[in-house]
Amino acid sequence: MHPIRRARTAQHRAVRAIAQRGLAHPGSRALLAAAALAATAAWEAGHRVADLHTLLSHDHESRSRDC
């Protein structure tokens, strides 16, 4: 799996677990740690944070300012 897809998937799983069980639940914390590791791996593979968070990318911000 591509590092960005892996990081996004891990992040979504962590967010769903936190929403259902809360941040203090051991499963939520484990999924949050896995998401952090996946994001780190993507970063080390040369991907930018904006590659993971596409809605926050610079291109999107410049387009929204032009409107």
N, C-alpha and C. Protein backbone atom coordinates (compact mmCIF):
# COMPACT_ATOMS: atom_id res chain seq x y z
N MET A 1 0.85 -1.18 0.00
CA MET A 1 0.00 0.00 0.00
C MET A 1 0.90 1.24 0.00
N HIS A 2 0.48 2.26 -0.70
CA HIS A 2 1.21 3.53 -0.78
C HIS A 2 1.27 4.18 0.61
N PRO A 3 2.39 4.81 0.97
CA PRO A 3 2.53 5.39 2.31
C PRO A 3 1.45 6.43 2.66
N ILE A 4 1.02 7.21 1.69
CA ILE A 4 -0.02 8.21 1.95
C ILE A 4 -1.35 7.52 2.23
N ARG A 5 -1.68 6.54 1.44
CA ARG A 5 -2.93 5.79 1.67
C ARG A 5 -2.91 5.09 3.01
N ARG A 6 -1.77 4.52 3.36
CA ARG A 6 -1.62 3.84 4.65
C ARG A 6 -1.82 4.84 5.80
N ALA A 7 -1.23 6.02 5.68
CA ALA A 7 -1.35 7.03 6.74
C ALA A 7 -2.79 7.54 6.85
N ARG A 8 -3.44 7.77 5.71
CA ARG A 8 -4.84 8.22 5.75
C ARG A 8 -5.74 7.17 6.38
N THR A 9 -5.55 5.92 5.98
CA THR A 9 -6.36 4.84 6.53
C THR A 9 -6.18 4.73 8.03
N ALA A 10 -4.94 4.78 8.48
CA ALA A 10 -4.66 4.69 9.91
C ALA A 10 -5.29 5.86 10.66
N GLN A 11 -5.22 7.05 10.07
CA GLN A 11 -5.80 8.23 10.71
C GLN A 11 -7.32 8.09 10.82
N HIS A 12 -7.96 7.64 9.77
CA HIS A 12 -9.42 7.48 9.79
C HIS A 12 -9.84 6.44 10.83
N ARG A 13 -9.10 5.34 10.91
CA ARG A 13 -9.42 4.32 11.91
C ARG A 13 -9.28 4.87 13.32
N ALA A 14 -8.24 5.65 13.55
CA ALA A 14 -8.03 6.23 14.87
C ALA A 14 -9.15 7.21 15.22
N VAL A 15 -9.54 8.04 14.27
CA VAL A 15 -10.60 9.01 14.52
C VAL A 15 -11.92 8.31 14.82
N ARG A 16 -12.23 7.26 14.07
CA ARG A 16 -13.47 6.51 14.33
C ARG A 16 -13.45 5.88 15.72
N ALA A 17 -12.31 5.32 16.11
CA ALA A 17 -12.20 4.69 17.43
C ALA A 17 -12.33 5.73 18.53
N ILE A 18 -11.72 6.88 18.36
CA ILE A 18 -11.82 7.94 19.37
C ILE A 18 -13.26 8.43 19.48
N ALA A 19 -13.94 8.57 18.36
CA ALA A 19 -15.34 9.02 18.37
C ALA A 19 -16.25 8.01 19.07
N GLN A 20 -15.96 6.73 18.90
CA GLN A 20 -16.80 5.69 19.49
C GLN A 20 -16.47 5.39 20.94
N ARG A 21 -15.17 5.36 21.26
CA ARG A 21 -14.75 4.89 22.58
C ARG A 21 -14.12 5.95 23.46
N GLY A 22 -13.70 7.05 22.86
CA GLY A 22 -13.01 8.09 23.62
C GLY A 22 -11.49 7.93 23.51
N LEU A 23 -10.78 8.99 23.82
CA LEU A 23 -9.33 9.01 23.69
C LEU A 23 -8.65 8.14 24.73
N ALA A 24 -9.26 7.97 25.89
CA ALA A 24 -8.62 7.22 26.97
C ALA A 24 -8.65 5.70 26.75
N HIS A 25 -9.46 5.22 25.83
CA HIS A 25 -9.56 3.78 25.59
C HIS A 25 -8.24 3.25 25.01
N PRO A 26 -7.75 2.12 25.53
CA PRO A 26 -6.48 1.57 25.04
C PRO A 26 -6.46 1.29 23.54
N GLY A 27 -7.57 0.84 22.98
CA GLY A 27 -7.64 0.59 21.54
C GLY A 27 -7.51 1.86 20.73
N SER A 28 -8.14 2.93 21.21
CA SER A 28 -8.04 4.22 20.53
C SER A 28 -6.61 4.73 20.56
N ARG A 29 -5.97 4.58 21.70
CA ARG A 29 -4.59 5.05 21.83
C ARG A 29 -3.65 4.24 20.94
N ALA A 30 -3.90 2.96 20.83
CA ALA A 30 -3.07 2.12 19.96
C ALA A 30 -3.23 2.51 18.50
N LEU A 31 -4.47 2.77 18.09
CA LEU A 31 -4.71 3.18 16.70
C LEU A 31 -4.14 4.57 16.42
N LEU A 32 -4.17 5.44 17.42
CA LEU A 32 -3.58 6.76 17.26
C LEU A 32 -2.06 6.65 17.11
N ALA A 33 -1.45 5.76 17.88
CA ALA A 33 0.00 5.53 17.75
C ALA A 33 0.33 4.95 16.38
N ALA A 34 -0.50 4.03 15.89
CA ALA A 34 -0.28 3.45 14.57
C ALA A 34 -0.40 4.52 13.48
N ALA A 35 -1.33 5.45 13.65
CA ALA A 35 -1.49 6.53 12.68
C ALA A 35 -0.26 7.44 12.68
N ALA A 36 0.28 7.69 13.86
CA ALA A 36 1.49 8.52 13.95
C ALA A 36 2.67 7.83 13.27
N LEU A 37 2.78 6.54 13.47
CA LEU A 37 3.87 5.79 12.82
C LEU A 37 3.71 5.77 11.31
N ALA A 38 2.48 5.62 10.84
CA ALA A 38 2.24 5.63 9.39
C ALA A 38 2.54 7.00 8.79
N ALA A 39 2.18 8.06 9.51
CA ALA A 39 2.48 9.41 9.02
C ALA A 39 3.99 9.65 9.00
N THR A 40 4.68 9.15 10.00
CA THR A 40 6.14 9.27 10.04
C THR A 40 6.78 8.53 8.87
N ALA A 41 6.29 7.35 8.58
CA ALA A 41 6.82 6.57 7.46
C ALA A 41 6.60 7.31 6.14
N ALA A 42 5.43 7.91 5.99
CA ALA A 42 5.16 8.68 4.76
C ALA A 42 6.10 9.88 4.66
N TRP A 43 6.33 10.55 5.78
CA TRP A 43 7.24 11.70 5.80
C TRP A 43 8.65 11.27 5.41
N GLU A 44 9.09 10.17 6.01
CA GLU A 44 10.44 9.67 5.73
C GLU A 44 10.58 9.17 4.30
N ALA A 45 9.46 8.81 3.67
CA ALA A 45 9.49 8.38 2.27
C ALA A 45 9.50 9.59 1.33
N GLY A 46 9.46 10.80 1.89
CA GLY A 46 9.56 12.00 1.08
C GLY A 46 8.26 12.72 0.81
N HIS A 47 7.17 12.29 1.43
CA HIS A 47 5.88 12.94 1.22
C HIS A 47 5.71 14.10 2.20
N ARG A 48 5.03 15.14 1.74
CA ARG A 48 4.77 16.30 2.58
C ARG A 48 3.49 16.09 3.37
N VAL A 49 3.32 16.88 4.43
CA VAL A 49 2.09 16.83 5.22
C VAL A 49 0.90 17.16 4.33
N ALA A 50 1.07 18.08 3.41
CA ALA A 50 -0.03 18.47 2.51
C ALA A 50 -0.47 17.31 1.62
N ASP A 51 0.40 16.33 1.40
CA ASP A 51 0.02 15.15 0.62
C ASP A 51 -0.99 14.31 1.39
N LEU A 52 -0.88 14.32 2.70
CA LEU A 52 -1.80 13.55 3.54
C LEU A 52 -3.10 14.32 3.76
N HIS A 53 -2.98 15.60 4.02
CA HIS A 53 -4.13 16.46 4.28
C HIS A 53 -4.39 17.32 3.06
N THR A 54 -4.99 16.74 2.06
CA THR A 54 -5.14 17.42 0.78
C THR A 54 -5.99 18.68 0.88
N LEU A 55 -6.95 18.74 1.77
CA LEU A 55 -7.78 19.93 1.88
C LEU A 55 -7.01 21.11 2.45
N LEU A 56 -5.90 20.86 3.10
CA LEU A 56 -5.10 21.93 3.67
C LEU A 56 -3.90 22.29 2.81
N SER A 57 -3.85 21.74 1.61
CA SER A 57 -2.69 21.99 0.75
C SER A 57 -2.64 23.44 0.30
N HIS A 58 -1.47 23.88 -0.08
CA HIS A 58 -1.26 25.26 -0.50
C HIS A 58 -2.09 25.60 -1.73
N ASP A 59 -2.21 24.68 -2.67
CA ASP A 59 -2.99 24.93 -3.88
C ASP A 59 -4.45 25.24 -3.56
N HIS A 60 -5.01 24.49 -2.62
CA HIS A 60 -6.40 24.69 -2.23
C HIS A 60 -6.57 26.06 -1.59
N GLU A 61 -5.63 26.46 -0.73
CA GLU A 61 -5.73 27.75 -0.06
C GLU A 61 -5.66 28.90 -1.07
N SER A 62 -4.77 28.77 -2.04
CA SER A 62 -4.64 29.85 -3.02
C SER A 62 -5.90 29.93 -3.89
N ARG A 63 -6.50 28.79 -4.20
CA ARG A 63 -7.73 28.80 -5.01
C ARG A 63 -8.88 29.42 -4.22
N SER A 64 -8.98 29.14 -2.93
CA SER A 64 -10.08 29.67 -2.14
C SER A 64 -9.94 31.17 -1.94
N ARG A 65 -8.71 31.70 -1.93
CA ARG A 65 -8.51 33.12 -1.82
C ARG A 65 -8.89 33.86 -3.09
N ASP A 66 -8.75 33.18 -4.24
CA ASP A 66 -9.06 33.80 -5.52
C ASP A 66 -10.57 33.96 -5.75
N CYS A 67 -11.36 33.21 -5.05
CA CYS A 67 -12.82 33.22 -5.26
C CYS A 67 -13.48 34.47 -4.74
